[in-house]
Amino acid sequence: MNTQIGFHSYYVYIITNQNRSTFYIGVTNNLKARLVKHKENIELKVNSFAAKYYIEHLVYYEKFTWIQEAIVREKELKKWRREKKLELIKEFNPNFEFLNYHFE
């Protein structure tokens, strides 16, 4: 954990469903808690895009120190076509495995 004053961690992340057919891109300052929240929303049948499509499996993430940079990157990724997102994921995660265990 980074305990230096003024330094924070923000994550841009991509999660998917079991079939890897739909993506959700988000930004958070606590990826572990956010992944738990996505799972809870599915279990509680919350009316959200991620819950509707059972999106809870982490396949990609980037870490930032500044929230402004993370937000810019999130917006950039959301504009990309599916093929470009797949290339990014496979470059970072060649086996397209679920990475939630990195944040348990």
N, C-alpha and C. Protein backbone atom coordinates (compact mmCIF):
# COMPACT_ATOMS: atom_id res chain seq x y z
N MET A 1 0.84 -1.19 0.00
CA MET A 1 0.00 0.00 0.00
C MET A 1 0.88 1.24 0.00
N ASN A 2 0.53 2.20 -0.82
CA ASN A 2 1.31 3.43 -0.93
C ASN A 2 0.86 4.39 0.16
N THR A 3 1.74 4.69 1.10
CA THR A 3 1.37 5.54 2.24
C THR A 3 1.89 6.96 2.11
N GLN A 4 2.52 7.29 0.98
CA GLN A 4 3.01 8.65 0.81
C GLN A 4 1.85 9.61 0.65
N ILE A 5 1.94 10.73 1.34
CA ILE A 5 0.89 11.74 1.27
C ILE A 5 0.86 12.31 -0.15
N GLY A 6 -0.35 12.44 -0.69
CA GLY A 6 -0.51 13.00 -2.02
C GLY A 6 -0.54 11.98 -3.13
N PHE A 7 -0.23 10.72 -2.81
CA PHE A 7 -0.25 9.69 -3.83
C PHE A 7 -1.47 8.80 -3.64
N HIS A 8 -2.16 8.55 -4.71
CA HIS A 8 -3.35 7.72 -4.67
C HIS A 8 -3.28 6.72 -5.81
N SER A 9 -4.13 5.74 -5.77
CA SER A 9 -4.22 4.76 -6.85
C SER A 9 -5.62 4.79 -7.43
N TYR A 10 -5.68 4.90 -8.73
CA TYR A 10 -6.94 4.85 -9.47
C TYR A 10 -6.77 3.82 -10.57
N TYR A 11 -7.83 3.12 -10.86
CA TYR A 11 -7.77 2.06 -11.86
C TYR A 11 -8.82 2.28 -12.94
N VAL A 12 -8.41 2.08 -14.17
CA VAL A 12 -9.33 1.92 -15.28
C VAL A 12 -9.36 0.42 -15.50
N TYR A 13 -10.55 -0.14 -15.62
CA TYR A 13 -10.65 -1.59 -15.71
C TYR A 13 -11.68 -2.01 -16.74
N ILE A 14 -11.49 -3.23 -17.23
CA ILE A 14 -12.46 -3.84 -18.14
C ILE A 14 -12.87 -5.16 -17.51
N ILE A 15 -14.18 -5.33 -17.38
CA ILE A 15 -14.73 -6.59 -16.90
C ILE A 15 -15.64 -7.16 -17.98
N THR A 16 -15.89 -8.45 -17.89
CA THR A 16 -16.69 -9.14 -18.88
C THR A 16 -17.55 -10.20 -18.21
N ASN A 17 -18.37 -10.88 -19.01
CA ASN A 17 -19.19 -11.96 -18.48
C ASN A 17 -18.48 -13.30 -18.69
N GLN A 18 -19.09 -14.36 -18.26
CA GLN A 18 -18.49 -15.70 -18.33
C GLN A 18 -18.11 -16.07 -19.77
N ASN A 19 -18.91 -15.65 -20.74
CA ASN A 19 -18.66 -15.98 -22.14
C ASN A 19 -17.74 -14.99 -22.85
N ARG A 20 -17.33 -13.96 -22.12
CA ARG A 20 -16.45 -12.92 -22.67
C ARG A 20 -17.08 -12.22 -23.88
N SER A 21 -18.39 -12.06 -23.84
CA SER A 21 -19.10 -11.51 -24.99
C SER A 21 -19.46 -10.03 -24.86
N THR A 22 -19.45 -9.50 -23.64
CA THR A 22 -19.80 -8.09 -23.41
C THR A 22 -18.80 -7.50 -22.44
N PHE A 23 -18.43 -6.24 -22.69
CA PHE A 23 -17.46 -5.56 -21.83
C PHE A 23 -18.08 -4.37 -21.11
N TYR A 24 -17.53 -4.11 -19.93
CA TYR A 24 -17.86 -2.91 -19.17
C TYR A 24 -16.54 -2.26 -18.81
N ILE A 25 -16.43 -0.96 -19.05
CA ILE A 25 -15.22 -0.21 -18.73
C ILE A 25 -15.57 0.79 -17.64
N GLY A 26 -14.75 0.82 -16.59
CA GLY A 26 -15.00 1.73 -15.49
C GLY A 26 -13.73 2.28 -14.90
N VAL A 27 -13.90 3.18 -13.94
CA VAL A 27 -12.77 3.76 -13.21
C VAL A 27 -13.12 3.74 -11.73
N THR A 28 -12.13 3.48 -10.88
CA THR A 28 -12.36 3.39 -9.44
C THR A 28 -11.06 3.68 -8.70
N ASN A 29 -11.18 4.01 -7.43
CA ASN A 29 -9.99 4.16 -6.59
C ASN A 29 -9.78 2.93 -5.73
N ASN A 30 -10.69 1.95 -5.81
CA ASN A 30 -10.56 0.72 -5.03
C ASN A 30 -11.10 -0.43 -5.87
N LEU A 31 -10.22 -1.03 -6.65
CA LEU A 31 -10.65 -2.06 -7.59
C LEU A 31 -11.20 -3.29 -6.87
N LYS A 32 -10.61 -3.65 -5.77
CA LYS A 32 -11.10 -4.81 -5.01
C LYS A 32 -12.56 -4.60 -4.60
N ALA A 33 -12.85 -3.46 -4.00
CA ALA A 33 -14.22 -3.17 -3.55
C ALA A 33 -15.18 -3.04 -4.74
N ARG A 34 -14.70 -2.49 -5.82
CA ARG A 34 -15.57 -2.31 -7.00
C ARG A 34 -15.94 -3.66 -7.60
N LEU A 35 -15.00 -4.59 -7.65
CA LEU A 35 -15.29 -5.92 -8.17
C LEU A 35 -16.32 -6.63 -7.29
N VAL A 36 -16.19 -6.47 -5.99
CA VAL A 36 -17.17 -7.05 -5.06
C VAL A 36 -18.55 -6.44 -5.32
N LYS A 37 -18.58 -5.13 -5.54
CA LYS A 37 -19.86 -4.44 -5.79
C LYS A 37 -20.52 -4.94 -7.07
N HIS A 38 -19.75 -5.15 -8.12
CA HIS A 38 -20.32 -5.68 -9.36
C HIS A 38 -20.95 -7.05 -9.10
N LYS A 39 -20.26 -7.90 -8.36
CA LYS A 39 -20.78 -9.24 -8.04
C LYS A 39 -22.05 -9.14 -7.21
N GLU A 40 -22.04 -8.27 -6.20
CA GLU A 40 -23.23 -8.08 -5.36
C GLU A 40 -24.42 -7.57 -6.18
N ASN A 41 -24.16 -6.66 -7.11
CA ASN A 41 -25.24 -6.11 -7.94
C ASN A 41 -25.90 -7.21 -8.78
N ILE A 42 -25.10 -8.16 -9.25
CA ILE A 42 -25.65 -9.29 -10.01
C ILE A 42 -26.52 -10.13 -9.09
N GLU A 43 -26.00 -10.45 -7.91
CA GLU A 43 -26.73 -11.29 -6.96
C GLU A 43 -28.02 -10.62 -6.49
N LEU A 44 -28.00 -9.30 -6.36
CA LEU A 44 -29.18 -8.56 -5.90
C LEU A 44 -30.10 -8.16 -7.05
N LYS A 45 -29.68 -8.52 -8.27
CA LYS A 45 -30.46 -8.20 -9.48
C LYS A 45 -30.70 -6.69 -9.61
N VAL A 46 -29.66 -5.93 -9.33
CA VAL A 46 -29.72 -4.48 -9.47
C VAL A 46 -29.88 -4.15 -10.96
N ASN A 47 -30.63 -3.12 -11.26
CA ASN A 47 -30.87 -2.73 -12.64
C ASN A 47 -29.70 -1.87 -13.13
N SER A 48 -28.66 -2.53 -13.62
CA SER A 48 -27.51 -1.84 -14.19
C SER A 48 -27.03 -2.64 -15.39
N PHE A 49 -26.27 -1.99 -16.26
CA PHE A 49 -25.75 -2.67 -17.45
C PHE A 49 -24.94 -3.90 -17.06
N ALA A 50 -23.99 -3.72 -16.13
CA ALA A 50 -23.12 -4.83 -15.73
C ALA A 50 -23.91 -5.98 -15.12
N ALA A 51 -24.88 -5.66 -14.29
CA ALA A 51 -25.67 -6.71 -13.66
C ALA A 51 -26.56 -7.41 -14.68
N LYS A 52 -27.13 -6.65 -15.58
CA LYS A 52 -28.03 -7.22 -16.61
C LYS A 52 -27.32 -8.28 -17.44
N TYR A 53 -26.04 -8.05 -17.74
CA TYR A 53 -25.28 -8.97 -18.59
C TYR A 53 -24.31 -9.85 -17.80
N TYR A 54 -24.46 -9.88 -16.49
CA TYR A 54 -23.63 -10.72 -15.61
C TYR A 54 -22.13 -10.44 -15.80
N ILE A 55 -21.80 -9.18 -15.86
CA ILE A 55 -20.42 -8.76 -16.08
C ILE A 55 -19.73 -8.56 -14.74
N GLU A 56 -18.77 -9.43 -14.43
CA GLU A 56 -18.08 -9.35 -13.14
C GLU A 56 -16.64 -9.83 -13.19
N HIS A 57 -16.18 -10.30 -14.34
CA HIS A 57 -14.85 -10.91 -14.43
C HIS A 57 -13.83 -9.92 -15.00
N LEU A 58 -12.82 -9.62 -14.20
CA LEU A 58 -11.78 -8.67 -14.58
C LEU A 58 -10.86 -9.29 -15.63
N VAL A 59 -10.66 -8.58 -16.73
CA VAL A 59 -9.75 -9.07 -17.77
C VAL A 59 -8.65 -8.06 -18.11
N TYR A 60 -8.79 -6.82 -17.62
CA TYR A 60 -7.80 -5.78 -17.94
C TYR A 60 -7.88 -4.68 -16.88
N TYR A 61 -6.72 -4.11 -16.56
CA TYR A 61 -6.71 -2.93 -15.71
C TYR A 61 -5.43 -2.13 -15.91
N GLU A 62 -5.52 -0.85 -15.66
CA GLU A 62 -4.39 0.07 -15.67
C GLU A 62 -4.44 0.86 -14.38
N LYS A 63 -3.28 1.17 -13.83
CA LYS A 63 -3.20 1.92 -12.57
C LYS A 63 -2.69 3.33 -12.85
N PHE A 64 -3.31 4.30 -12.19
CA PHE A 64 -2.95 5.71 -12.33
C PHE A 64 -2.78 6.35 -10.96
N THR A 65 -2.00 7.40 -10.91
CA THR A 65 -1.83 8.17 -9.68
C THR A 65 -2.84 9.31 -9.62
N TRP A 66 -3.23 9.82 -10.77
CA TRP A 66 -4.11 10.98 -10.82
C TRP A 66 -5.45 10.60 -11.43
N ILE A 67 -6.53 10.96 -10.76
CA ILE A 67 -7.88 10.63 -11.22
C ILE A 67 -8.17 11.24 -12.58
N GLN A 68 -7.64 12.43 -12.85
CA GLN A 68 -7.90 13.08 -14.13
C GLN A 68 -7.38 12.23 -15.29
N GLU A 69 -6.19 11.65 -15.11
CA GLU A 69 -5.61 10.79 -16.15
C GLU A 69 -6.44 9.52 -16.33
N ALA A 70 -6.90 8.96 -15.22
CA ALA A 70 -7.72 7.75 -15.28
C ALA A 70 -9.03 8.01 -16.02
N ILE A 71 -9.66 9.13 -15.76
CA ILE A 71 -10.92 9.46 -16.41
C ILE A 71 -10.72 9.67 -17.91
N VAL A 72 -9.65 10.34 -18.28
CA VAL A 72 -9.35 10.54 -19.71
C VAL A 72 -9.17 9.19 -20.40
N ARG A 73 -8.44 8.28 -19.75
CA ARG A 73 -8.20 6.96 -20.34
C ARG A 73 -9.50 6.15 -20.43
N GLU A 74 -10.31 6.21 -19.40
CA GLU A 74 -11.60 5.51 -19.43
C GLU A 74 -12.43 5.98 -20.62
N LYS A 75 -12.53 7.28 -20.80
CA LYS A 75 -13.32 7.82 -21.91
C LYS A 75 -12.74 7.40 -23.25
N GLU A 76 -11.41 7.37 -23.34
CA GLU A 76 -10.75 6.93 -24.58
C GLU A 76 -11.12 5.48 -24.91
N LEU A 77 -10.99 4.59 -23.92
CA LEU A 77 -11.28 3.18 -24.15
C LEU A 77 -12.74 2.95 -24.51
N LYS A 78 -13.64 3.69 -23.90
CA LYS A 78 -15.06 3.52 -24.18
C LYS A 78 -15.41 3.86 -25.63
N LYS A 79 -14.61 4.70 -26.27
CA LYS A 79 -14.85 5.07 -27.66
C LYS A 79 -14.32 4.03 -28.65
N TRP A 80 -13.47 3.15 -28.19
CA TRP A 80 -12.84 2.17 -29.09
C TRP A 80 -13.84 1.14 -29.58
N ARG A 81 -13.58 0.64 -30.78
CA ARG A 81 -14.36 -0.48 -31.31
C ARG A 81 -13.98 -1.76 -30.56
N ARG A 82 -14.85 -2.72 -30.59
CA ARG A 82 -14.64 -3.99 -29.89
C ARG A 82 -13.30 -4.64 -30.25
N GLU A 83 -12.96 -4.64 -31.53
CA GLU A 83 -11.73 -5.30 -31.98
C GLU A 83 -10.49 -4.68 -31.32
N LYS A 84 -10.49 -3.37 -31.18
CA LYS A 84 -9.35 -2.68 -30.57
C LYS A 84 -9.28 -2.99 -29.07
N LYS A 85 -10.44 -3.07 -28.42
CA LYS A 85 -10.48 -3.45 -27.01
C LYS A 85 -9.95 -4.87 -26.82
N LEU A 86 -10.33 -5.78 -27.71
CA LEU A 86 -9.84 -7.16 -27.64
C LEU A 86 -8.33 -7.22 -27.79
N GLU A 87 -7.78 -6.44 -28.71
CA GLU A 87 -6.32 -6.39 -28.89
C GLU A 87 -5.64 -5.92 -27.61
N LEU A 88 -6.19 -4.88 -26.98
CA LEU A 88 -5.63 -4.35 -25.74
C LEU A 88 -5.66 -5.40 -24.64
N ILE A 89 -6.79 -6.06 -24.50
CA ILE A 89 -6.93 -7.09 -23.46
C ILE A 89 -5.94 -8.23 -23.70
N LYS A 90 -5.85 -8.70 -24.95
CA LYS A 90 -4.98 -9.84 -25.25
C LYS A 90 -3.49 -9.49 -25.12
N GLU A 91 -3.15 -8.23 -25.35
CA GLU A 91 -1.76 -7.80 -25.16
C GLU A 91 -1.40 -7.83 -23.67
N PHE A 92 -2.34 -7.40 -22.84
CA PHE A 92 -2.15 -7.36 -21.39
C PHE A 92 -2.35 -8.73 -20.75
N ASN A 93 -3.27 -9.50 -21.29
CA ASN A 93 -3.74 -10.75 -20.70
C ASN A 93 -3.89 -11.78 -21.83
N PRO A 94 -2.76 -12.31 -22.32
CA PRO A 94 -2.77 -13.15 -23.53
C PRO A 94 -3.74 -14.34 -23.49
N ASN A 95 -3.96 -14.92 -22.32
CA ASN A 95 -4.86 -16.06 -22.22
C ASN A 95 -6.30 -15.67 -21.91
N PHE A 96 -6.54 -14.36 -21.85
CA PHE A 96 -7.89 -13.83 -21.60
C PHE A 96 -8.49 -14.45 -20.34
N GLU A 97 -7.63 -14.65 -19.33
CA GLU A 97 -8.11 -15.25 -18.09
C GLU A 97 -8.77 -14.19 -17.21
N PHE A 98 -9.57 -14.66 -16.26
CA PHE A 98 -10.20 -13.76 -15.30
C PHE A 98 -9.19 -13.43 -14.22
N LEU A 99 -9.01 -12.15 -13.93
CA LEU A 99 -7.94 -11.68 -13.06
C LEU A 99 -8.42 -11.20 -11.70
N ASN A 100 -9.64 -11.48 -11.34
CA ASN A 100 -10.18 -11.01 -10.05
C ASN A 100 -9.31 -11.42 -8.89
N TYR A 101 -8.69 -12.59 -8.97
CA TYR A 101 -7.87 -13.09 -7.87
C TYR A 101 -6.71 -12.15 -7.53
N HIS A 102 -6.32 -11.27 -8.45
CA HIS A 102 -5.27 -10.30 -8.17
C HIS A 102 -5.70 -9.29 -7.11
N PHE A 103 -7.01 -9.19 -6.88
CA PHE A 103 -7.55 -8.18 -5.98
C PHE A 103 -8.42 -8.78 -4.87
N GLU A 104 -8.18 -10.00 -4.51
CA GLU A 104 -8.97 -10.63 -3.44
C GLU A 104 -8.33 -10.38 -2.09
